């Protein structure tokens, strides 16, 4: 799963979406189109990648789908990066 997470975070728009969700949760997909100057279908495709990587979760509110981060997924990434950095410092 780590590879999928890093692959999902590697795209600038997806990383921007994650950064925005870290500041504010329950954001509608339509709120990202203006911020990143991409079309709604493009935002939806990026959100799908983030969802499949386990980084975001959805909640339906009527016809609107709201997105939030999955904090535990980011904690796992942070722990792995800390482990790698400790190994690099020892070398």
Protein backbone atom coordinates (compact mmCIF):
# COMPACT_ATOMS: atom_id res chain seq x y z
CA UNK A 1 0.00 0.00 0.00
CA UNK A 2 2.93 2.35 0.60
CA UNK A 3 3.74 2.48 -3.11
CA UNK A 4 0.16 3.44 -3.96
CA UNK A 5 0.22 6.20 -1.35
CA UNK A 6 3.47 7.68 -2.65
CA UNK A 7 2.26 7.35 -6.23
CA UNK A 8 -0.95 9.17 -5.29
CA UNK A 9 0.96 11.96 -3.53
CA UNK A 10 3.42 12.36 -6.41
CA UNK A 11 1.06 14.40 -8.57
CA UNK A 12 1.01 18.15 -7.75
CA UNK A 13 -2.79 18.45 -7.88
CA UNK A 14 -3.31 15.42 -5.63
CA UNK A 15 -0.70 16.69 -3.18
CA UNK A 16 -2.47 20.05 -3.20
CA UNK A 17 -5.79 18.36 -2.50
CA UNK A 18 -4.26 16.52 0.46
CA UNK A 19 -2.75 19.75 1.77
CA UNK A 20 -6.13 21.48 1.53
CA UNK A 21 -7.87 18.58 3.25
CA UNK A 22 -5.28 18.73 6.04
CA UNK A 23 -6.42 22.30 6.73
CA UNK A 24 -10.14 21.72 6.20
CA UNK A 25 -12.22 18.55 6.12
CA UNK A 26 -15.50 17.68 4.44
CA UNK A 27 -14.78 19.49 1.20
CA UNK A 28 -16.94 19.00 -1.88
CA UNK A 29 -15.13 18.03 -5.08
CA UNK A 30 -16.47 21.14 -6.77
CA UNK A 31 -14.50 23.29 -4.30
CA UNK A 32 -11.22 22.05 -5.77
CA UNK A 33 -11.84 23.08 -9.39
CA UNK A 34 -11.16 26.79 -8.89
CA UNK A 35 -8.26 26.23 -6.53
CA UNK A 36 -6.34 24.03 -8.96
CA UNK A 37 -7.67 25.40 -12.27
CA UNK A 38 -8.69 21.97 -13.53
CA UNK A 39 -12.02 20.60 -14.71
CA UNK A 40 -14.50 18.77 -12.47
CA UNK A 41 -13.85 15.40 -14.17
CA UNK A 42 -10.10 15.87 -13.60
CA UNK A 43 -10.65 16.66 -9.91
CA UNK A 44 -12.88 13.59 -9.61
CA UNK A 45 -10.20 11.41 -11.21
CA UNK A 46 -7.58 12.73 -8.77
CA UNK A 47 -9.90 12.18 -5.81
CA UNK A 48 -10.52 8.62 -6.99
CA UNK A 49 -6.76 7.94 -6.98
CA UNK A 50 -6.48 9.37 -3.45
CA UNK A 51 -9.48 7.33 -2.30
CA UNK A 52 -8.11 4.10 -3.80
CA UNK A 53 -4.77 4.74 -2.08
CA UNK A 54 -6.62 5.01 1.23
CA UNK A 55 -5.73 8.67 1.77
CA UNK A 56 -9.23 10.15 1.64
CA UNK A 57 -12.68 9.04 2.64
CA UNK A 58 -16.08 10.19 1.43
CA UNK A 59 -19.34 11.16 3.06
CA UNK A 60 -22.52 11.74 1.11
CA UNK A 61 -24.60 14.78 1.97
CA UNK A 62 -27.67 14.66 -0.26
CA UNK A 63 -26.31 14.71 -3.81
CA UNK A 64 -22.96 16.12 -2.68
CA UNK A 65 -19.96 13.97 -1.84
CA UNK A 66 -17.64 15.47 0.77
CA UNK A 67 -14.01 14.40 1.12
CA UNK A 68 -11.80 14.17 4.21
CA UNK A 69 -8.34 12.83 4.95
CA UNK A 70 -7.73 9.46 6.56
CA UNK A 71 -5.29 10.55 9.27
CA UNK A 72 -4.00 7.04 9.96
CA UNK A 73 -2.81 6.70 6.36
CA UNK A 74 -0.64 9.80 6.76
CA UNK A 75 0.64 8.62 10.14
CA UNK A 76 1.81 5.42 8.46
CA UNK A 77 3.65 7.39 5.78
CA UNK A 78 5.26 9.64 8.40
CA UNK A 79 6.41 6.64 10.42
CA UNK A 80 7.95 5.00 7.37
CA UNK A 81 9.77 8.20 6.40
CA UNK A 82 11.10 8.54 9.95
CA UNK A 83 12.37 4.97 9.81
CA UNK A 84 14.10 5.64 6.50
CA UNK A 85 15.67 8.85 7.78
CA UNK A 86 17.02 7.08 10.89
CA UNK A 87 18.61 4.48 8.63
CA UNK A 88 20.13 7.17 6.43
CA UNK A 89 21.61 8.98 9.45
CA UNK A 90 23.26 5.77 10.70
CA UNK A 91 24.98 5.07 7.38
